[in-house]
Amino acid sequence: MAHDDAAVKMADLFDPEPEQWGLRGDPHVWRALRDHLSGTDIPASVDEVTSLLRAAFNEIVGLDLGTAPDAHVYREQYAHGGMSSGYVSLDTWRDRLMPMLVERARMRLVA
């Protein structure tokens, strides 16, 4: 069976969703990133995937995950009710969610 690399899109990395989030805005950012990258092919290298994910996060959330000093940030567009509604955990994105997406890409690139 041949593996069809051309059919693999960045959005494929977002399924399944994580079982745990940092704050209530995180799943909304996850889905916004998935939708934003839905038509984009997975790049050929892990470094390119990382750059693409960081650039998309910057567009969606409005800050650079690598340089922003904050642990979390509030974004009105991701406020959908609840105590931490609208808050995005930058620490969770840095420490767990981005590495998860990059690792999923790495597994697809070596397959």
Protein backbone atom coordinates (compact mmCIF):
# COMPACT_ATOMS: atom_id res chain seq x y z
CA MET A 1 0.00 0.00 0.00
CA ALA A 2 1.39 3.36 -1.01
CA HIS A 3 1.15 6.31 1.38
CA ASP A 4 -0.28 9.34 -0.44
CA ASP A 5 1.65 12.29 1.01
CA ALA A 6 -0.09 14.76 -1.27
CA ALA A 7 -3.39 14.18 0.55
CA VAL A 8 -1.98 15.03 4.00
CA LYS A 9 -3.06 18.49 5.13
CA MET A 10 -2.03 20.52 8.16
CA ALA A 11 -5.61 20.26 9.45
CA ASP A 12 -5.10 16.47 9.80
CA LEU A 13 -2.70 17.15 12.69
CA PHE A 14 -5.55 18.57 14.78
CA ASP A 15 -7.48 15.30 15.03
CA PRO A 16 -8.03 14.04 17.64
CA GLU A 17 -8.35 17.04 19.92
CA PRO A 18 -6.44 16.94 23.21
CA GLU A 19 -8.29 15.59 26.23
CA GLN A 20 -7.05 18.46 28.42
CA TRP A 21 -6.79 22.17 27.78
CA GLY A 22 -5.15 24.97 29.74
CA LEU A 23 -7.98 27.54 29.65
CA ARG A 24 -11.40 27.79 28.04
CA GLY A 25 -10.18 29.74 25.02
CA ASP A 26 -7.70 27.00 24.03
CA PRO A 27 -10.12 24.68 22.21
CA HIS A 28 -11.45 27.64 20.23
CA VAL A 29 -7.92 28.59 19.20
CA TRP A 30 -7.23 24.92 18.32
CA ARG A 31 -10.26 24.85 16.01
CA ALA A 32 -9.45 28.27 14.54
CA LEU A 33 -5.92 27.08 13.73
CA ARG A 34 -7.27 23.88 12.19
CA ASP A 35 -9.70 25.85 10.03
CA HIS A 36 -7.03 28.43 9.11
CA LEU A 37 -4.66 25.67 7.93
CA SER A 38 -7.30 23.38 6.44
CA GLY A 39 -6.17 23.73 2.83
CA THR A 40 -2.44 23.77 3.55
CA ASP A 41 -0.26 20.76 2.76
CA ILE A 42 2.10 19.56 5.48
CA PRO A 43 5.55 20.99 4.67
CA ALA A 44 8.46 18.65 4.02
CA SER A 45 10.34 19.34 7.27
CA VAL A 46 9.53 19.61 10.97
CA ASP A 47 11.14 23.06 11.09
CA GLU A 48 8.80 24.28 8.34
CA VAL A 49 5.81 22.78 10.18
CA THR A 50 6.88 24.56 13.37
CA SER A 51 7.27 27.88 11.55
CA LEU A 52 3.90 27.50 9.86
CA LEU A 53 2.14 26.66 13.13
CA ARG A 54 3.77 29.60 14.95
CA ALA A 55 2.89 32.01 12.14
CA ALA A 56 -0.73 30.79 12.10
CA PHE A 57 -0.92 31.10 15.90
CA ASN A 58 0.38 34.66 15.60
CA GLU A 59 -2.37 35.46 13.07
CA ILE A 60 -5.13 33.79 15.10
CA VAL A 61 -4.18 35.03 18.59
CA GLY A 62 -2.28 38.18 17.62
CA LEU A 63 1.03 37.54 19.34
CA ASP A 64 4.27 35.64 18.90
CA LEU A 65 4.20 32.56 21.10
CA GLY A 66 7.99 32.47 21.18
CA THR A 67 8.49 36.00 22.49
CA ALA A 68 5.32 36.79 24.46
CA PRO A 69 6.23 36.80 28.17
CA ASP A 70 2.68 36.26 29.44
CA ALA A 71 1.34 32.96 30.79
CA HIS A 72 -2.08 33.67 29.27
CA VAL A 73 -3.89 36.27 27.20
CA TYR A 74 -7.53 37.32 26.83
CA ARG A 75 -9.12 37.36 23.39
CA GLU A 76 -12.76 38.47 23.08
CA GLN A 77 -13.40 36.32 19.99
CA TYR A 78 -12.76 33.15 22.04
CA ALA A 79 -15.07 34.12 24.93
CA HIS A 80 -17.97 31.67 24.84
CA GLY A 81 -18.99 31.49 28.50
CA GLY A 82 -17.45 30.15 31.70
CA MET A 83 -15.02 31.45 34.28
CA SER A 84 -11.87 31.51 32.11
CA SER A 85 -13.79 32.14 28.90
CA GLY A 86 -11.74 33.98 26.31
CA TYR A 87 -8.44 33.24 28.02
CA VAL A 88 -5.78 31.40 26.04
CA SER A 89 -3.06 29.62 28.00
CA LEU A 90 0.17 30.54 26.26
CA ASP A 91 2.09 28.24 28.61
CA THR A 92 -0.12 25.30 27.59
CA TRP A 93 0.40 26.14 23.91
CA ARG A 94 4.17 26.44 24.39
CA ASP A 95 4.61 23.41 26.63
CA ARG A 96 2.05 20.92 25.37
CA LEU A 97 -0.18 21.81 22.41
CA MET A 98 2.42 23.08 19.90
CA PRO A 99 4.82 20.21 20.71
CA MET A 100 1.90 17.79 20.25
CA LEU A 101 1.13 19.16 16.79
CA VAL A 102 4.81 19.16 15.80
CA GLU A 103 5.19 15.56 16.98
CA ARG A 104 2.12 14.51 15.00
CA ALA A 105 3.69 16.11 11.93
CA ARG A 106 7.00 14.37 12.61
CA MET A 107 5.23 11.00 12.76
CA ARG A 108 3.54 11.67 9.40
CA LEU A 109 6.76 12.87 7.78
CA VAL A 110 8.68 9.72 8.73
CA ALA A 111 5.82 7.36 7.79
